[in-house]
Amino acid sequence: MGRKSLSSFASKSEMSHGSAHQQDSFVGFSPTGLSSMCNSNMRQGTKNISRRLSRFNIRSARTKALIDGSDSDGSTEARKHYPRSNYIPRTAPCTPRARDIEDSAPEFPEPTGSPQIHVSPTISMPPPSPQISENYTLSSSISCRDDDKRMARAHRLKLAGIAERQYWITCINNEAARYGSKSVRVAQGLCNLGNALLNCKEYTESLSAYKKAVRILREKCGNNNLFVACALDKVGYVASMIPTDQNLNWALMALHEALVMRYAHLGPHHCDVVDTLNKIAGIHLHKRDWVEARNAYVEVLTVRAAIFGRNHPSIAVTAQTLGRVYTSLGEFELALKHMELALKLFREKPMSMKDNHPLVVKLLKNITTTSRLMTSLGRRRLAV
């Protein structure tokens, strides 16, 4: 009776499905396995055999190999490891049939309540500003890196200045104990200490050290000495770094005295002489005394051209500054002349600056502004 049911089931399934896949699946059963399966299930009745055999479906070669390699009575073991289900195409959703759900008990307990899903709130980011572009971001990052480099360099210089300051304080104390507090060695140590304090940007202490050195050098070397001139030049420079009226006047007095001493000993065509003269011109420029600044810068330009030649970078810098002074005086033609000279020297060798260099960009802007002022002034004169 069991064999008849088996044969009728096989023919019925082939007729109903008619697929090569299911035919191959039934061919995969060995006779020994099928007979042992039927003998083991005959005790449970015809109804159970027909119901359970309809659920076998061997869908892979690996599953057939495992079932074929099992024991003779391994049909129960095969059913234990491979659950019974009908053939489901790969593209179809994995949904069990209602009959399987009724016959088999659920493997997992049913949920008692609705699941709670915690979703983090979405963070809405503001859109980027339309004014900010990639070039702006790149330029800002480059400028930040340049600022970091300048800050690091200034920090290194300050640390070096602090160490140098401590060193010269020790040297001054040793020299004062050995040679006296008013010796030339102590004055030299005070000048070096003033340089260290200047690097630390401690201008008041630096000015005090230079003044002490000047008093000692005047007493030991006289009033007409190059050491005194050098110390006075430093006094004038440091005093100009503290831009009060009193300090600026003191700086002019010290620099004029240093200029007279250096001119007497070194002559007009010397770099130290023109350096002192350039500092005097800078103080007049800072005080907005345009006439005195013009006269001083004209002398500086003449002496530098005689010493270094007309293609030296210092000539370009002086011509640019003199163009600003002429613009402030309203002499626009002379201003444009000196600005164009500076632009020419910037672009030519040895400087060879490009048009995007900050100095060139600033100079071109000044030339444009001066040209507009000259044009507007000419129109006013014609209107009058």
Protein backbone atom coordinates (compact mmCIF):
# COMPACT_ATOMS: atom_id res chain seq x y z
CA MET A 1 0.00 0.00 0.00
CA GLY A 2 2.88 2.31 0.77
CA ARG A 3 4.59 1.58 -2.55
CA LYS A 4 1.41 2.30 -4.43
CA SER A 5 1.04 5.62 -2.73
CA LEU A 6 4.68 6.43 -3.48
CA SER A 7 4.38 5.66 -7.17
CA SER A 8 1.13 7.51 -7.51
CA PHE A 9 2.67 10.51 -5.72
CA ALA A 10 5.71 10.52 -8.03
CA SER A 11 3.62 10.41 -11.19
CA LYS A 12 1.24 13.04 -9.83
CA SER A 13 4.06 15.41 -8.94
CA GLU A 14 5.71 15.01 -12.36
CA MET A 15 2.45 15.80 -14.09
CA SER A 16 1.66 18.78 -11.90
CA HIS A 17 5.05 20.45 -11.93
CA GLY A 18 6.69 19.19 -15.09
CA SER A 19 9.92 21.00 -14.37
CA ALA A 20 13.34 19.59 -15.06
CA HIS A 21 14.45 20.78 -11.65
CA GLN A 22 11.92 18.69 -9.77
CA GLN A 23 12.48 15.67 -12.03
CA ASP A 24 16.19 15.81 -11.25
CA SER A 25 15.31 16.11 -7.59
CA PHE A 26 13.36 12.86 -7.58
CA VAL A 27 16.03 11.09 -9.65
CA GLY A 28 18.54 12.04 -6.97
CA PHE A 29 16.91 9.62 -4.48
CA SER A 30 18.63 6.24 -4.31
CA PRO A 31 16.39 3.11 -4.18
CA THR A 32 17.83 2.12 -0.82
CA GLY A 33 17.09 5.50 0.67
CA LEU A 34 13.55 5.55 -0.64
CA SER A 35 12.76 2.06 0.60
CA SER A 36 14.15 2.74 4.07
CA MET A 37 12.21 5.97 4.14
CA CYS A 38 8.98 4.22 3.23
CA ASN A 39 9.55 1.37 5.74
CA SER A 40 10.17 3.82 8.55
CA ASN A 41 7.10 5.84 7.73
CA MET A 42 4.67 2.94 7.12
CA ARG A 43 4.17 2.59 10.86
CA GLN A 44 2.74 6.10 11.02
CA GLY A 45 0.04 5.44 8.42
CA THR A 46 -0.67 6.32 4.86
CA LYS A 47 -1.86 9.79 5.67
CA ASN A 48 1.38 10.86 7.33
CA ILE A 49 3.51 9.40 4.55
CA SER A 50 1.66 11.21 1.78
CA ARG A 51 1.68 14.45 3.74
CA ARG A 52 5.38 14.45 4.59
CA LEU A 53 6.78 13.21 1.30
CA SER A 54 5.22 16.15 -0.49
CA ARG A 55 7.51 18.52 1.45
CA PHE A 56 10.87 17.10 0.36
CA ASN A 57 12.69 19.21 -2.17
CA ILE A 58 16.41 18.72 -2.80
CA ARG A 59 17.59 22.02 -4.27
CA SER A 60 21.38 21.71 -4.36
CA ALA A 61 24.08 19.20 -5.10
CA ARG A 62 25.52 19.70 -1.63
CA THR A 63 22.20 18.70 -0.03
CA LYS A 64 21.98 15.56 -2.24
CA ALA A 65 25.50 14.56 -1.32
CA LEU A 66 24.79 14.94 2.36
CA ILE A 67 21.58 12.87 2.11
CA ASP A 68 23.19 10.19 -0.10
CA GLY A 69 26.10 9.84 2.28
CA SER A 70 23.88 9.35 5.30
CA ASP A 71 23.03 5.98 6.93
CA SER A 72 20.40 3.64 5.58
CA ASP A 73 17.98 4.86 8.14
CA GLY A 74 19.23 8.42 7.81
CA SER A 75 16.03 9.87 6.40
CA THR A 76 15.02 11.05 9.86
CA GLU A 77 18.48 12.57 10.36
CA ALA A 78 18.23 14.35 7.04
CA ARG A 79 14.85 15.78 7.97
CA LYS A 80 16.31 16.97 11.27
CA HIS A 81 19.08 19.06 9.64
CA TYR A 82 17.18 20.24 6.56
CA PRO A 83 13.68 21.53 7.27
CA ARG A 84 10.84 20.53 5.04
CA SER A 85 9.54 23.10 2.60
CA ASN A 86 8.15 23.32 -0.90
CA TYR A 87 10.15 24.64 -3.83
CA ILE A 88 10.28 28.44 -3.83
CA PRO A 89 11.85 30.35 -6.73
CA ARG A 90 14.77 32.62 -5.86
CA THR A 91 12.96 35.71 -7.10
CA ALA A 92 9.83 35.05 -5.05
CA PRO A 93 9.51 36.40 -1.49
CA CYS A 94 10.29 33.94 1.25
CA THR A 95 6.73 33.51 2.57
CA PRO A 96 5.64 30.14 4.07
CA ARG A 97 2.41 28.52 3.06
CA ALA A 98 -0.56 28.62 5.39
CA ARG A 99 -0.66 24.82 5.66
CA ASP A 100 2.93 24.68 6.86
CA ILE A 101 2.22 27.31 9.48
CA GLU A 102 -0.78 25.35 10.77
CA ASP A 103 1.03 22.01 10.86
CA SER A 104 4.33 23.11 12.38
CA ALA A 105 4.77 24.88 15.67
CA PRO A 106 6.43 28.31 15.62
CA GLU A 107 10.15 28.26 16.32
CA PHE A 108 10.24 31.71 17.99
CA PRO A 109 7.83 33.20 20.51
CA GLU A 110 5.49 35.78 19.15
CA PRO A 111 6.17 39.38 20.22
CA THR A 112 4.05 40.60 23.08
CA GLY A 113 4.11 44.27 22.11
CA SER A 114 5.09 46.62 19.34
CA PRO A 115 8.86 47.08 18.95
CA GLN A 116 10.39 50.38 19.98
CA ILE A 117 12.75 51.84 17.44
CA HIS A 118 14.92 54.72 18.57
CA VAL A 119 15.84 56.99 15.68
CA SER A 120 18.31 59.79 16.26
CA PRO A 121 16.98 63.17 15.12
CA THR A 122 18.34 64.35 11.82
CA ILE A 123 20.71 67.30 12.05
CA SER A 124 20.01 69.84 9.37
CA MET A 125 23.23 71.50 8.22
CA PRO A 126 23.00 75.03 6.80
CA PRO A 127 23.87 75.31 3.13
CA PRO A 128 27.26 76.80 2.28
CA SER A 129 27.40 80.51 1.76
CA PRO A 130 27.38 81.52 -1.90
CA GLN A 131 30.12 84.09 -1.32
CA ILE A 132 32.63 81.43 -0.27
CA SER A 133 34.32 79.65 -3.15
CA GLU A 134 37.07 77.08 -3.48
CA ASN A 135 39.62 79.73 -4.39
CA TYR A 136 38.71 81.73 -1.31
CA THR A 137 39.05 78.64 0.87
CA LEU A 138 42.41 77.81 -0.67
CA SER A 139 43.72 81.35 -0.30
CA SER A 140 42.49 81.51 3.28
CA SER A 141 44.22 78.23 4.13
CA ILE A 142 47.43 79.47 2.51
CA SER A 143 47.23 82.74 4.43
CA CYS A 144 46.66 80.80 7.66
CA ARG A 145 49.76 78.73 6.98
CA ASP A 146 51.77 81.89 6.30
CA ASP A 147 50.51 83.43 9.53
CA ASP A 148 51.50 80.28 11.42
CA LYS A 149 54.98 80.42 9.93
CA ARG A 150 55.39 84.07 10.86
CA MET A 151 54.17 83.42 14.39
CA ALA A 152 56.54 80.48 14.77
CA ARG A 153 59.45 82.56 13.49
CA ALA A 154 58.60 85.43 15.84
CA HIS A 155 58.36 82.96 18.72
CA ARG A 156 61.79 81.52 17.91
CA LEU A 157 63.29 85.00 17.69
CA LYS A 158 61.75 85.95 21.01
CA LEU A 159 63.12 82.83 22.70
CA ALA A 160 66.55 83.55 21.22
CA GLY A 161 66.29 87.16 22.38
CA ILE A 162 65.39 86.07 25.92
CA ALA A 163 68.37 83.72 26.08
CA GLU A 164 70.65 86.40 24.62
CA ARG A 165 69.34 88.97 27.09
CA GLN A 166 70.16 86.76 30.03
CA TYR A 167 73.60 86.08 28.58
CA TRP A 168 74.47 89.76 28.19
CA ILE A 169 73.18 90.62 31.64
CA THR A 170 75.59 88.06 33.05
CA CYS A 171 78.43 89.43 30.90
CA ILE A 172 77.73 93.02 32.01
CA ASN A 173 77.81 92.02 35.66
CA ASN A 174 81.11 90.19 35.16
CA GLU A 175 82.66 93.09 33.24
CA ALA A 176 81.46 95.60 35.83
CA ALA A 177 82.98 93.52 38.63
CA ARG A 178 86.28 93.21 36.75
CA TYR A 179 86.76 96.58 34.99
CA GLY A 180 84.27 98.86 36.73
CA SER A 181 80.72 99.93 36.00
CA LYS A 182 81.80 102.78 33.64
CA SER A 183 84.21 100.91 31.41
CA VAL A 184 84.02 100.63 27.61
CA ARG A 185 83.40 96.88 27.91
CA VAL A 186 80.31 97.56 30.00
CA ALA A 187 79.12 100.07 27.34
CA GLN A 188 79.59 97.47 24.61
CA GLY A 189 77.70 94.96 26.73
CA LEU A 190 74.87 97.48 27.17
CA CYS A 191 74.65 97.95 23.37
CA ASN A 192 74.44 94.18 22.89
CA LEU A 193 71.82 93.99 25.65
CA GLY A 194 69.84 96.71 23.84
CA ASN A 195 69.91 94.61 20.66
CA ALA A 196 68.62 91.56 22.55
CA LEU A 197 65.83 93.61 24.16
CA LEU A 198 64.96 95.02 20.74
CA ASN A 199 64.52 91.49 19.39
CA CYS A 200 62.20 90.79 22.33
CA LYS A 201 60.27 93.98 21.43
CA GLU A 202 60.94 95.46 24.85
CA TYR A 203 61.52 98.95 23.48
CA THR A 204 61.54 100.90 26.74
CA GLU A 205 64.21 98.71 28.36
CA SER A 206 66.21 98.71 25.12
CA LEU A 207 66.13 102.51 24.94
CA SER A 208 67.31 102.72 28.55
CA ALA A 209 70.24 100.39 27.85
CA TYR A 210 71.32 102.40 24.79
CA LYS A 211 71.14 105.67 26.71
CA LYS A 212 73.40 104.26 29.44
CA ALA A 213 75.85 103.11 26.77
CA VAL A 214 75.87 106.59 25.18
CA ARG A 215 76.68 108.26 28.52
CA ILE A 216 79.55 105.87 29.20
CA LEU A 217 80.97 106.20 25.66
CA ARG A 218 80.77 109.99 25.74
CA GLU A 219 82.74 110.00 28.96
CA LYS A 220 85.38 107.51 27.80
CA CYS A 221 85.67 108.22 24.04
CA GLY A 222 84.56 111.85 23.64
CA ASN A 223 81.68 113.42 21.77
CA ASN A 224 83.11 112.97 18.27
CA ASN A 225 83.54 109.22 18.03
CA LEU A 226 82.07 106.53 15.77
CA PHE A 227 81.14 104.37 18.76
CA VAL A 228 79.07 107.25 20.11
CA ALA A 229 77.54 107.78 16.64
CA CYS A 230 76.59 104.12 16.43
CA ALA A 231 74.97 104.20 19.88
CA LEU A 232 73.10 107.42 19.02
CA ASP A 233 71.84 105.84 15.81
CA LYS A 234 70.43 102.96 17.87
CA VAL A 235 68.86 105.39 20.33
CA GLY A 236 67.08 107.21 17.50
CA TYR A 237 65.84 103.97 15.94
CA VAL A 238 64.46 102.54 19.19
CA ALA A 239 62.90 105.88 20.16
CA SER A 240 61.04 105.94 16.83
CA MET A 241 59.52 102.55 17.71
CA ILE A 242 57.66 104.28 20.58
CA PRO A 243 55.72 106.84 18.50
CA THR A 244 55.08 109.60 20.99
CA ASP A 245 55.92 113.24 20.27
CA GLN A 246 58.64 113.32 22.92
CA ASN A 247 60.29 110.13 21.70
CA LEU A 248 60.12 111.21 18.06
CA ASN A 249 61.78 114.53 18.87
CA TRP A 250 64.43 112.72 20.89
CA ALA A 251 64.99 110.34 17.98
CA LEU A 252 65.49 113.21 15.52
CA MET A 253 68.05 114.87 17.81
CA ALA A 254 70.01 111.65 18.27
CA LEU A 255 69.94 110.77 14.57
CA HIS A 256 71.04 114.25 13.46
CA GLU A 257 74.00 114.11 15.84
CA ALA A 258 74.89 110.61 14.62
CA LEU A 259 74.63 111.81 11.00
CA VAL A 260 77.05 114.67 11.60
CA MET A 261 79.59 112.35 13.25
CA ARG A 262 79.36 109.69 10.56
CA TYR A 263 79.48 112.23 7.74
CA ALA A 264 82.63 113.76 9.25
CA HIS A 265 84.40 110.41 9.61
CA LEU A 266 83.03 108.39 6.66
CA GLY A 267 82.09 110.95 4.01
CA PRO A 268 78.80 111.31 2.11
CA HIS A 269 78.99 108.08 0.10
CA HIS A 270 78.88 105.52 2.85
CA CYS A 271 76.18 103.03 3.67
CA ASP A 272 76.11 103.97 7.38
CA VAL A 273 75.59 107.62 6.49
CA VAL A 274 72.72 106.91 4.11
CA ASP A 275 71.24 104.48 6.64
CA THR A 276 71.05 107.22 9.28
CA LEU A 277 69.63 109.63 6.71
CA ASN A 278 66.95 107.10 5.74
CA LYS A 279 65.90 106.80 9.40
CA ILE A 280 65.57 110.57 9.63
CA ALA A 281 63.38 110.57 6.53
CA GLY A 282 61.21 107.83 8.03
CA ILE A 283 60.60 109.87 11.18
CA HIS A 284 59.55 112.90 9.09
CA LEU A 285 57.22 110.63 7.15
CA HIS A 286 55.74 109.31 10.36
CA LYS A 287 55.20 112.86 11.62
CA ARG A 288 53.57 113.77 8.25
CA ASP A 289 56.12 116.46 7.65
CA TRP A 290 55.99 115.97 3.88
CA VAL A 291 58.47 118.65 2.85
CA GLU A 292 61.24 117.46 5.16
CA ALA A 293 60.48 113.86 4.23
CA ARG A 294 60.76 114.74 0.51
CA ASN A 295 64.12 116.47 0.96
CA ALA A 296 65.51 113.61 3.02
CA TYR A 297 64.29 110.88 0.63
CA VAL A 298 65.71 112.72 -2.40
CA GLU A 299 69.13 112.71 -0.71
CA VAL A 300 68.75 109.04 0.20
CA LEU A 301 67.85 108.16 -3.41
CA THR A 302 70.82 110.11 -4.77
CA VAL A 303 73.36 108.60 -2.36
CA ARG A 304 72.07 105.05 -2.79
CA ALA A 305 72.18 105.34 -6.56
CA ALA A 306 75.80 106.55 -6.28
CA ILE A 307 76.77 103.71 -3.93
CA PHE A 308 74.80 100.71 -5.22
CA GLY A 309 73.83 101.68 -8.77
CA ARG A 310 70.44 102.47 -10.29
CA ASN A 311 69.25 98.82 -10.44
CA HIS A 312 69.62 98.07 -6.73
CA PRO A 313 66.49 96.97 -4.79
CA SER A 314 66.99 99.79 -2.28
CA ILE A 315 66.53 102.27 -5.15
CA ALA A 316 63.14 100.72 -5.96
CA VAL A 317 61.98 100.89 -2.34
CA THR A 318 63.11 104.51 -1.95
CA ALA A 319 61.49 105.53 -5.25
CA GLN A 320 58.20 103.94 -4.20
CA THR A 321 58.22 105.78 -0.85
CA LEU A 322 59.18 109.05 -2.54
CA GLY A 323 56.25 108.62 -4.92
CA ARG A 324 53.90 108.41 -1.92
CA VAL A 325 55.42 111.62 -0.51
CA TYR A 326 54.98 113.43 -3.84
CA THR A 327 51.36 112.25 -3.98
CA SER A 328 50.73 113.69 -0.51
CA LEU A 329 52.26 116.98 -1.65
CA GLY A 330 50.02 117.05 -4.73
CA GLU A 331 52.92 116.72 -7.21
CA PHE A 332 51.35 113.92 -9.20
CA GLU A 333 53.68 113.97 -12.21
CA LEU A 334 56.77 113.45 -10.06
CA ALA A 335 54.88 110.83 -8.06
CA LEU A 336 54.02 108.85 -11.20
CA LYS A 337 57.58 109.18 -12.44
CA HIS A 338 59.07 107.66 -9.29
CA MET A 339 56.37 105.00 -9.05
CA GLU A 340 56.98 103.88 -12.62
CA LEU A 341 60.71 103.73 -11.87
CA ALA A 342 60.02 101.52 -8.86
CA LEU A 343 57.72 99.31 -10.96
CA LYS A 344 60.37 98.91 -13.62
CA LEU A 345 62.99 97.90 -11.05
CA PHE A 346 60.59 95.46 -9.42
CA ARG A 347 59.95 93.68 -12.70
CA GLU A 348 63.52 93.64 -13.97
CA LYS A 349 66.48 91.69 -12.68
CA PRO A 350 67.71 91.09 -10.05
CA MET A 351 64.28 91.32 -8.38
CA SER A 352 62.15 89.88 -11.25
CA MET A 353 58.84 90.17 -9.42
CA LYS A 354 55.61 88.96 -10.99
CA ASP A 355 52.48 91.08 -11.29
CA ASN A 356 50.81 89.10 -8.49
CA HIS A 357 53.52 89.97 -5.97
CA PRO A 358 52.12 92.02 -3.06
CA LEU A 359 54.58 94.89 -3.59
CA VAL A 360 53.78 95.07 -7.31
CA VAL A 361 50.03 94.87 -6.68
CA LYS A 362 50.22 97.67 -4.13
CA LEU A 363 52.36 99.79 -6.42
CA LEU A 364 49.99 99.32 -9.36
CA LYS A 365 47.09 100.34 -7.16
CA ASN A 366 48.94 103.50 -6.09
CA ILE A 367 49.72 104.32 -9.72
CA THR A 368 46.06 103.96 -10.67
CA THR A 369 44.94 106.15 -7.78
CA THR A 370 47.52 108.82 -8.55
CA SER A 371 46.55 108.85 -12.24
CA ARG A 372 42.90 109.37 -11.35
CA LEU A 373 43.77 112.19 -8.97
CA MET A 374 45.90 113.87 -11.61
CA THR A 375 43.12 113.52 -14.19
CA SER A 376 40.51 114.96 -11.84
CA LEU A 377 42.80 117.84 -10.89
CA GLY A 378 43.43 118.63 -14.58
CA ARG A 379 39.69 118.72 -15.25
CA ARG A 380 39.16 121.11 -12.34
CA ARG A 381 41.84 123.45 -13.67
CA LEU A 382 40.27 123.40 -17.12
CA ALA A 383 36.86 124.08 -15.63
CA VAL A 384 38.21 127.08 -13.74
